PDB file of all heavy atoms in Angstrom:
ATOM      1  N   ILE A   1      -2.573  -9.046 -14.202  1.00  0.00           N
ATOM      2  CA  ILE A   1      -2.588  -9.668 -12.873  1.00  0.00           C
ATOM      3  C   ILE A   1      -1.271 -10.375 -12.606  1.00  0.00           C
ATOM      4  O   ILE A   1      -0.672 -10.238 -11.523  1.00  0.00           O
ATOM      5  CB  ILE A   1      -3.761 -10.654 -12.761  1.00  0.00           C
ATOM      6  CG1 ILE A   1      -5.099  -9.893 -12.733  1.00  0.00           C
ATOM      7  CG2 ILE A   1      -3.627 -11.533 -11.510  1.00  0.00           C
ATOM      8  CD1 ILE A   1      -6.304 -10.781 -12.890  1.00  0.00           C
ATOM      9  N   GLU A   2      -0.789 -11.122 -13.588  1.00  0.00           N
ATOM     10  CA  GLU A   2       0.479 -11.841 -13.406  1.00  0.00           C
ATOM     11  C   GLU A   2       1.632 -10.864 -13.189  1.00  0.00           C
ATOM     12  O   GLU A   2       2.530 -11.113 -12.378  1.00  0.00           O
ATOM     13  CB  GLU A   2       0.728 -12.745 -14.614  1.00  0.00           C
ATOM     14  CG  GLU A   2      -0.271 -13.901 -14.703  1.00  0.00           C
ATOM     15  CD  GLU A   2      -0.171 -14.679 -16.011  1.00  0.00           C
ATOM     16  OE1 GLU A   2       0.523 -14.180 -16.928  1.00  0.00           O
ATOM     17  OE2 GLU A   2      -0.809 -15.739 -16.127  1.00  0.00           O
ATOM     18  N   GLU A   3       1.590  -9.732 -13.898  1.00  0.00           N
ATOM     19  CA  GLU A   3       2.640  -8.732 -13.706  1.00  0.00           C
ATOM     20  C   GLU A   3       2.575  -8.143 -12.301  1.00  0.00           C
ATOM     21  O   GLU A   3       3.600  -7.985 -11.632  1.00  0.00           O
ATOM     22  CB  GLU A   3       2.512  -7.622 -14.744  1.00  0.00           C
ATOM     23  CG  GLU A   3       3.601  -6.554 -14.618  1.00  0.00           C
ATOM     24  CD  GLU A   3       3.476  -5.466 -15.670  1.00  0.00           C
ATOM     25  OE1 GLU A   3       2.552  -5.530 -16.512  1.00  0.00           O
ATOM     26  OE2 GLU A   3       4.299  -4.537 -15.633  1.00  0.00           O
ATOM     27  N   ARG A   4       1.400  -7.836 -11.845  1.00  0.00           N
ATOM     28  CA  ARG A   4       1.266  -7.248 -10.509  1.00  0.00           C
ATOM     29  C   ARG A   4       1.756  -8.207  -9.419  1.00  0.00           C
ATOM     30  O   ARG A   4       2.331  -7.760  -8.426  1.00  0.00           O
ATOM     31  CB  ARG A   4      -0.186  -6.858 -10.244  1.00  0.00           C
ATOM     32  CG  ARG A   4      -0.624  -5.644 -11.031  1.00  0.00           C
ATOM     33  CD  ARG A   4      -1.935  -5.118 -10.525  1.00  0.00           C
ATOM     34  NE  ARG A   4      -2.483  -4.133 -11.439  1.00  0.00           N
ATOM     35  CZ  ARG A   4      -3.613  -3.485 -11.230  1.00  0.00           C
ATOM     36  NH1 ARG A   4      -4.315  -3.714 -10.130  1.00  0.00           N
ATOM     37  NH2 ARG A   4      -4.055  -2.602 -12.102  1.00  0.00           N
ATOM     38  N   LEU A   5       1.514  -9.478  -9.599  1.00  0.00           N
ATOM     39  CA  LEU A   5       1.971 -10.437  -8.587  1.00  0.00           C
ATOM     40  C   LEU A   5       3.488 -10.432  -8.455  1.00  0.00           C
ATOM     41  O   LEU A   5       4.026 -10.701  -7.379  1.00  0.00           O
ATOM     42  CB  LEU A   5       1.445 -11.831  -8.921  1.00  0.00           C
ATOM     43  CG  LEU A   5      -0.066 -12.020  -8.699  1.00  0.00           C
ATOM     44  CD1 LEU A   5      -0.533 -13.362  -9.271  1.00  0.00           C
ATOM     45  CD2 LEU A   5      -0.421 -11.935  -7.212  1.00  0.00           C
ATOM     46  N   THR A   6       4.188 -10.085  -9.550  1.00  0.00           N
ATOM     47  CA  THR A   6       5.653 -10.001  -9.453  1.00  0.00           C
ATOM     48  C   THR A   6       6.100  -8.769  -8.664  1.00  0.00           C
ATOM     49  O   THR A   6       7.242  -8.703  -8.227  1.00  0.00           O
ATOM     50  CB  THR A   6       6.304  -9.965 -10.857  1.00  0.00           C
ATOM     51  OG1 THR A   6       5.981  -8.724 -11.510  1.00  0.00           O
ATOM     52  CG2 THR A   6       5.836 -11.132 -11.703  1.00  0.00           C
ATOM     53  N   TRP A   7       5.205  -7.794  -8.485  1.00  0.00           N
ATOM     54  CA  TRP A   7       5.545  -6.590  -7.734  1.00  0.00           C
ATOM     55  C   TRP A   7       5.457  -6.797  -6.218  1.00  0.00           C
ATOM     56  O   TRP A   7       5.842  -5.917  -5.455  1.00  0.00           O
ATOM     57  CB  TRP A   7       4.593  -5.441  -8.090  1.00  0.00           C
ATOM     58  CG  TRP A   7       4.572  -5.026  -9.524  1.00  0.00           C
ATOM     59  CD1 TRP A   7       5.432  -5.389 -10.520  1.00  0.00           C
ATOM     60  CD2 TRP A   7       3.613  -4.140 -10.127  1.00  0.00           C
ATOM     61  NE1 TRP A   7       5.075  -4.809 -11.700  1.00  0.00           N
ATOM     62  CE2 TRP A   7       3.963  -4.027 -11.501  1.00  0.00           C
ATOM     63  CE3 TRP A   7       2.512  -3.438  -9.661  1.00  0.00           C
ATOM     64  CZ2 TRP A   7       3.228  -3.232 -12.396  1.00  0.00           C
ATOM     65  CZ3 TRP A   7       1.775  -2.658 -10.535  1.00  0.00           C
ATOM     66  CH2 TRP A   7       2.141  -2.553 -11.890  1.00  0.00           C
ATOM     67  N   TRP A   8       4.937  -7.932  -5.782  1.00  0.00           N
ATOM     68  CA  TRP A   8       4.523  -8.079  -4.384  1.00  0.00           C
ATOM     69  C   TRP A   8       5.630  -7.804  -3.367  1.00  0.00           C
ATOM     70  O   TRP A   8       5.390  -7.106  -2.378  1.00  0.00           O
ATOM     71  CB  TRP A   8       3.877  -9.434  -4.153  1.00  0.00           C
ATOM     72  CG  TRP A   8       2.589  -9.264  -3.396  1.00  0.00           C
ATOM     73  CD1 TRP A   8       2.359  -9.495  -2.079  1.00  0.00           C
ATOM     74  CD2 TRP A   8       1.353  -8.769  -3.935  1.00  0.00           C
ATOM     75  NE1 TRP A   8       1.061  -9.182  -1.752  1.00  0.00           N
ATOM     76  CE2 TRP A   8       0.417  -8.730  -2.879  1.00  0.00           C
ATOM     77  CE3 TRP A   8       0.945  -8.339  -5.196  1.00  0.00           C
ATOM     78  CZ2 TRP A   8      -0.899  -8.300  -3.054  1.00  0.00           C
ATOM     79  CZ3 TRP A   8      -0.364  -7.909  -5.367  1.00  0.00           C
ATOM     80  CH2 TRP A   8      -1.259  -7.896  -4.307  1.00  0.00           C
ATOM     81  N   PRO A   9       6.852  -8.329  -3.544  1.00  0.00           N
ATOM     82  CA  PRO A   9       7.888  -8.013  -2.547  1.00  0.00           C
ATOM     83  C   PRO A   9       8.144  -6.514  -2.414  1.00  0.00           C
ATOM     84  O   PRO A   9       8.324  -6.000  -1.307  1.00  0.00           O
ATOM     85  CB  PRO A   9       9.118  -8.752  -3.085  1.00  0.00           C
ATOM     86  CG  PRO A   9       8.559  -9.876  -3.903  1.00  0.00           C
ATOM     87  CD  PRO A   9       7.338  -9.295  -4.552  1.00  0.00           C
ATOM     88  N   THR A  10       8.140  -5.815  -3.547  1.00  0.00           N
ATOM     89  CA  THR A  10       8.334  -4.363  -3.501  1.00  0.00           C
ATOM     90  C   THR A  10       7.166  -3.672  -2.821  1.00  0.00           C
ATOM     91  O   THR A  10       7.351  -2.768  -1.987  1.00  0.00           O
ATOM     92  CB  THR A  10       8.515  -3.801  -4.922  1.00  0.00           C
ATOM     93  OG1 THR A  10       9.658  -4.397  -5.520  1.00  0.00           O
ATOM     94  CG2 THR A  10       8.668  -2.292  -4.899  1.00  0.00           C
ATOM     95  N   LEU A  11       5.942  -4.090  -3.142  1.00  0.00           N
ATOM     96  CA  LEU A  11       4.770  -3.480  -2.529  1.00  0.00           C
ATOM     97  C   LEU A  11       4.751  -3.709  -1.020  1.00  0.00           C
ATOM     98  O   LEU A  11       4.382  -2.805  -0.248  1.00  0.00           O
ATOM     99  CB  LEU A  11       3.491  -4.039  -3.167  1.00  0.00           C
ATOM    100  CG  LEU A  11       3.287  -3.705  -4.654  1.00  0.00           C
ATOM    101  CD1 LEU A  11       2.063  -4.436  -5.192  1.00  0.00           C
ATOM    102  CD2 LEU A  11       3.150  -2.197  -4.867  1.00  0.00           C
ATOM    103  N   ALA A  12       5.158  -4.898  -0.589  1.00  0.00           N
ATOM    104  CA  ALA A  12       5.203  -5.190   0.848  1.00  0.00           C
ATOM    105  C   ALA A  12       6.204  -4.275   1.549  1.00  0.00           C
ATOM    106  O   ALA A  12       5.937  -3.758   2.644  1.00  0.00           O
ATOM    107  CB  ALA A  12       5.547  -6.651   1.077  1.00  0.00           C
ATOM    108  N   ARG A  13       7.356  -4.070   0.910  1.00  0.00           N
ATOM    109  CA  ARG A  13       8.355  -3.175   1.495  1.00  0.00           C
ATOM    110  C   ARG A  13       7.835  -1.741   1.559  1.00  0.00           C
ATOM    111  O   ARG A  13       8.028  -1.034   2.566  1.00  0.00           O
ATOM    112  CB  ARG A  13       9.638  -3.239   0.665  1.00  0.00           C
ATOM    113  CG  ARG A  13      10.722  -2.270   1.132  1.00  0.00           C
ATOM    114  CD  ARG A  13      11.986  -2.410   0.291  1.00  0.00           C
ATOM    115  NE  ARG A  13      11.739  -2.230  -1.132  1.00  0.00           N
ATOM    116  CZ  ARG A  13      11.606  -1.048  -1.731  1.00  0.00           C
ATOM    117  NH1 ARG A  13      11.668   0.068  -1.002  1.00  0.00           N
ATOM    118  NH2 ARG A  13      11.420  -0.974  -3.032  1.00  0.00           N
ATOM    119  N   LEU A  14       7.164  -1.311   0.506  1.00  0.00           N
ATOM    120  CA  LEU A  14       6.623   0.045   0.493  1.00  0.00           C
ATOM    121  C   LEU A  14       5.553   0.226   1.559  1.00  0.00           C
ATOM    122  O   LEU A  14       5.489   1.263   2.226  1.00  0.00           O
ATOM    123  CB  LEU A  14       6.057   0.373  -0.889  1.00  0.00           C
ATOM    124  CG  LEU A  14       7.070   0.447  -2.031  1.00  0.00           C
ATOM    125  CD1 LEU A  14       6.351   0.701  -3.359  1.00  0.00           C
ATOM    126  CD2 LEU A  14       8.103   1.539  -1.772  1.00  0.00           C
ATOM    127  N   LEU A  15       4.710  -0.779   1.719  1.00  0.00           N
ATOM    128  CA  LEU A  15       3.663  -0.680   2.740  1.00  0.00           C
ATOM    129  C   LEU A  15       4.265  -0.585   4.130  1.00  0.00           C
ATOM    130  O   LEU A  15       3.776   0.178   4.977  1.00  0.00           O
ATOM    131  CB  LEU A  15       2.726  -1.888   2.648  1.00  0.00           C
ATOM    132  CG  LEU A  15       1.541  -1.889   3.624  1.00  0.00           C
ATOM    133  CD1 LEU A  15       0.630  -0.695   3.380  1.00  0.00           C
ATOM    134  CD2 LEU A  15       0.752  -3.196   3.507  1.00  0.00           C
ATOM    135  N   ASP A  16       5.326  -1.317   4.388  1.00  0.00           N
ATOM    136  CA  ASP A  16       5.987  -1.237   5.694  1.00  0.00           C
ATOM    137  C   ASP A  16       6.520   0.164   5.978  1.00  0.00           C
ATOM    138  O   ASP A  16       6.688   0.547   7.136  1.00  0.00           O
ATOM    139  CB  ASP A  16       7.138  -2.252   5.772  1.00  0.00           C
ATOM    140  CG  ASP A  16       6.641  -3.677   5.985  1.00  0.00           C
ATOM    141  OD1 ASP A  16       5.485  -3.837   6.421  1.00  0.00           O
ATOM    142  OD2 ASP A  16       7.415  -4.615   5.717  1.00  0.00           O
ATOM    143  N   GLY A  17       6.792   0.922   4.918  1.00  0.00           N
ATOM    144  CA  GLY A  17       7.327   2.263   5.100  1.00  0.00           C
ATOM    145  C   GLY A  17       6.277   3.355   5.183  1.00  0.00           C
ATOM    146  O   GLY A  17       6.630   4.539   5.294  1.00  0.00           O
ATOM    147  N   VAL A  18       4.984   2.990   5.135  1.00  0.00           N
ATOM    148  CA  VAL A  18       3.929   4.000   5.251  1.00  0.00           C
ATOM    149  C   VAL A  18       3.827   4.445   6.711  1.00  0.00           C
ATOM    150  O   VAL A  18       3.707   3.615   7.608  1.00  0.00           O
ATOM    151  CB  VAL A  18       2.570   3.447   4.766  1.00  0.00           C
ATOM    152  CG1 VAL A  18       1.452   4.456   5.022  1.00  0.00           C
ATOM    153  CG2 VAL A  18       2.635   3.103   3.277  1.00  0.00           C
ATOM    154  N   PRO A  19       3.881   5.738   6.985  1.00  0.00           N
ATOM    155  CA  PRO A  19       3.796   6.216   8.369  1.00  0.00           C
ATOM    156  C   PRO A  19       2.374   6.069   8.903  1.00  0.00           C
ATOM    157  O   PRO A  19       1.446   5.754   8.148  1.00  0.00           O
ATOM    158  CB  PRO A  19       4.181   7.691   8.243  1.00  0.00           C
ATOM    159  CG  PRO A  19       3.710   8.065   6.882  1.00  0.00           C
ATOM    160  CD  PRO A  19       3.965   6.855   6.018  1.00  0.00           C
ATOM    161  N   PRO A  20       2.177   6.285  10.201  1.00  0.00           N
ATOM    162  CA  PRO A  20       0.798   6.306  10.725  1.00  0.00           C
ATOM    163  C   PRO A  20      -0.056   7.294   9.937  1.00  0.00           C
ATOM    164  O   PRO A  20       0.417   8.369   9.547  1.00  0.00           O
ATOM    165  CB  PRO A  20       0.984   6.750  12.183  1.00  0.00           C
ATOM    166  CG  PRO A  20       2.375   6.301  12.515  1.00  0.00           C
ATOM    167  CD  PRO A  20       3.178   6.484  11.259  1.00  0.00           C
ATOM    168  N   LEU A  21      -1.299   6.914   9.711  1.00  0.00           N
ATOM    169  CA  LEU A  21      -2.174   7.703   8.843  1.00  0.00           C
ATOM    170  C   LEU A  21      -3.349   8.283   9.618  1.00  0.00           C
ATOM    171  O   LEU A  21      -3.934   7.607  10.469  1.00  0.00           O
ATOM    172  CB  LEU A  21      -2.702   6.832   7.701  1.00  0.00           C
ATOM    173  CG  LEU A  21      -1.662   6.279   6.722  1.00  0.00           C
ATOM    174  CD1 LEU A  21      -2.322   5.324   5.733  1.00  0.00           C
ATOM    175  CD2 LEU A  21      -0.948   7.403   5.992  1.00  0.00           C
ATOM    176  N   THR A  22      -3.697   9.516   9.286  1.00  0.00           N
ATOM    177  CA  THR A  22      -4.891  10.145   9.839  1.00  0.00           C
ATOM    178  C   THR A  22      -6.123   9.569   9.157  1.00  0.00           C
ATOM    179  O   THR A  22      -6.237   9.602   7.927  1.00  0.00           O
ATOM    180  CB  THR A  22      -4.842  11.670   9.613  1.00  0.00           C
ATOM    181  OG1 THR A  22      -3.712  12.201  10.301  1.00  0.00           O
ATOM    182  CG2 THR A  22      -6.108  12.332  10.120  1.00  0.00           C
ATOM    183  N   VAL A  23      -7.038   9.043   9.959  1.00  0.00           N
ATOM    184  CA  VAL A  23      -8.265   8.441   9.444  1.00  0.00           C
ATOM    185  C   VAL A  23      -9.446   9.291   9.909  1.00  0.00           C
ATOM    186  O   VAL A  23      -9.554   9.624  11.093  1.00  0.00           O
ATOM    187  CB  VAL A  23      -8.412   6.991   9.943  1.00  0.00           C
ATOM    188  CG1 VAL A  23      -9.762   6.420   9.552  1.00  0.00           C
ATOM    189  CG2 VAL A  23      -7.296   6.130   9.375  1.00  0.00           C
ATOM    190  N   GLN A  24     -10.309   9.629   8.971  1.00  0.00           N
ATOM    191  CA  GLN A  24     -11.464  10.470   9.278  1.00  0.00           C
ATOM    192  C   GLN A  24     -12.522  10.266   8.195  1.00  0.00           C
ATOM    193  O   GLN A  24     -12.309   9.541   7.226  1.00  0.00           O
ATOM    194  CB  GLN A  24     -11.044  11.935   9.322  1.00  0.00           C
ATOM    195  CG  GLN A  24     -10.549  12.464   7.965  1.00  0.00           C
ATOM    196  CD  GLN A  24     -10.461  13.975   7.932  1.00  0.00           C
ATOM    197  OE1 GLN A  24      -9.524  14.553   8.460  1.00  0.00           O
ATOM    198  NE2 GLN A  24     -11.445  14.619   7.311  1.00  0.00           N
ATOM    199  N   VAL A  25     -13.672  10.907   8.367  1.00  0.00           N
ATOM    200  CA  VAL A  25     -14.670  10.908   7.307  1.00  0.00           C
ATOM    201  C   VAL A  25     -14.131  11.703   6.128  1.00  0.00           C
ATOM    202  O   VAL A  25     -13.598  12.806   6.290  1.00  0.00           O
ATOM    203  CB  VAL A  25     -15.989  11.524   7.799  1.00  0.00           C
ATOM    204  CG1 VAL A  25     -16.980  11.703   6.639  1.00  0.00           C
ATOM    205  CG2 VAL A  25     -16.614  10.647   8.880  1.00  0.00           C
ATOM    206  N   VAL A  26     -14.249  11.123   4.927  1.00  0.00           N
ATOM    207  CA  VAL A  26     -13.822  11.778   3.693  1.00  0.00           C
ATOM    208  C   VAL A  26     -14.941  11.663   2.662  1.00  0.00           C
ATOM    209  O   VAL A  26     -16.007  11.113   2.948  1.00  0.00           O
ATOM    210  CB  VAL A  26     -12.509  11.158   3.160  1.00  0.00           C
ATOM    211  CG1 VAL A  26     -11.355  11.410   4.123  1.00  0.00           C
ATOM    212  CG2 VAL A  26     -12.672   9.655   2.905  1.00  0.00           C
ATOM    213  N   HIS A  27     -14.691  12.174   1.469  1.00  0.00           N
ATOM    214  CA  HIS A  27     -15.688  12.086   0.397  1.00  0.00           C
ATOM    215  C   HIS A  27     -16.016  10.635   0.086  1.00  0.00           C
ATOM    216  O   HIS A  27     -17.178  10.263  -0.056  1.00  0.00           O
ATOM    217  CB  HIS A  27     -15.142  12.806  -0.846  1.00  0.00           C
ATOM    218  CG  HIS A  27     -16.019  12.724  -2.053  1.00  0.00           C
ATOM    219  ND1 HIS A  27     -16.131  11.589  -2.828  1.00  0.00           N
ATOM    220  CD2 HIS A  27     -16.813  13.656  -2.649  1.00  0.00           C
ATOM    221  CE1 HIS A  27     -16.949  11.801  -3.836  1.00  0.00           C
ATOM    222  NE2 HIS A  27     -17.382  13.063  -3.755  1.00  0.00           N
ATOM    223  N   GLY A  28     -14.994   9.801  -0.074  1.00  0.00           N
ATOM    224  CA  GLY A  28     -15.189   8.374  -0.289  1.00  0.00           C
ATOM    225  C   GLY A  28     -15.094   7.916  -1.731  1.00  0.00           C
ATOM    226  O   GLY A  28     -14.841   6.736  -1.982  1.00  0.00           O
TER     227      GLY A  28
END
């Protein structure tokens, strides 16, 4: 958990770069 918290700035940047996503019913 402590290691993952250090990833947060990178994860935030990566999330900002996710394009619009197709949302539909899936297996789940």
